Every structure is written in C-alpha cells, then in structure tokens.
Amino acid sequence: MELISGAGAPREPPGAPQAIVIAGPNGAGKTTAAPFLLRDELEVLTYVNADIIARGLSGFAPEAAEREAGEMMLRWLDQLAAQYASFAFETTLAGRGHARRILRLIAAGYDVHLLYLWLPSADQAVARVRLRVRLGGHDIPEATIRRRYQRSVTNLVTLYMPIVTTWRVYDGRGFATGAGIPLIVRGQGDRAREVRDVQAWDSIRQQLGISDGEEV
C-alpha cells in the first residue's frame, strides 16, 4: 500500500473496486472530513450519507426522516455493489449490521478500507453535536450520542478492524493546519502497523481494557 501526502489515506492500484467506510461517533467530523479524504485523496466521488439523504427528504426536520433515509442508504449501497462500483459511506459503527455487508463486499472482490475519526470521550461527542446545532446542524439526543459512542469504539476494535482490508484511525478533535487530518494509527487485521500518536492510541486501548501484551 502506497502512502500519500495529507491525511495519508490508502491509495490502491487500479483493479479492485474500493469501498471506503468513514466512521466515528456522532460529532467526530465525518461529513466535514469526507470531501478531503474521498475526493482529494482517494478520488472516490460517490459518497452515501444517510444524514444528507434525510435533509433532502425533510429539510426542516431531518430527524423525522432518519429511518427512511437509512433504508434508502442501504438500498443505494446494494445497487452500487451490484454495479461493482467504487463508493464510500458514513456510519457511527454503533451497530453490527455493516460487518455482514463488508464481508460480502470482500467476497465479491472489493478492497474495503476503514477510516475512523476518534474522539476521546462521550462528553466531547455531546459537546461537538451541541456546537453543530448552534451552527444550524441537525440534533441528536444526548442519550443516543452516549450510547453510540461506547458501542462505536468497541465495535471498531473487536468487530470491524479484523475484517476490513486496511484500517486507519484519525484524531477527530481537529485538523492540523496544512497537514491534513492527524493520523493516530494504521493497520491490518488485529495488528497496528504504524503508530503516529502513541498517547492517543494508548487512550483508545485503555478505553477497551487492552493490555500491552495484546494485539491492537
């Protein structure tokens, strides 16, 4: 895998279609980061985002269209996979359903890359969503944010990292000026191949109770 400038996202040689999973807790900056990671770095132009679909269905109350938007997103992903097209989609990873989709994509010949934007606590996720609301963005109940946060981090390490082609964890707390999105760690399977931010990676491992002698 070749490293590139900026965020250091993976660029694969022509051949296999690419499925990019942009993930992280609510408020981590997934939608903000997506244009840079996808268009500028990976040259993947098809980005499926349930939040954007919901705003199209109900611009003044996107929360009311959340379920319908989620169903539309899944149908769109199925159509893209049937066309063997490269695409990206956004998720919190709070659920386990995307694991089955990823395994089907890999079995069909896709390379699946997971790009995760990390926040150090549920409190920070809540604060980021509140800021987004003040700036005109959509709201999410605090209890939902907190529930999704812990499930997201747990599923990242225990479920999704082991099954994707490659994975990367970025610091969602902010973008380094002129240096793209700060990379914390990259790896394959249950092994970290390169750690850029030891302190942040140790914090993630401590959140999940992973000892120094264990993989990941």
Foldseek 3Di string as FASTA:
>chain_A
DDFDFFQRDDEDDPDQAEEEEEEAFALLCSVVQVCCVDCVPHVADAEQELQVVLCVVPVVASVVCSVVSVVVSVVVVVVCLVVSHHYYYYDHQLDQVCLVVQLVSVVVRYAYEYEYAYDLALVVSQVSQVVCVVVPHDHDDSVVRRSSNLSSLVCVQPPPQQRHAKYWYFHSPDADVPGHTHTAFIGHHQATPDGDNVVVVVSSCVSVVHDPVDGD
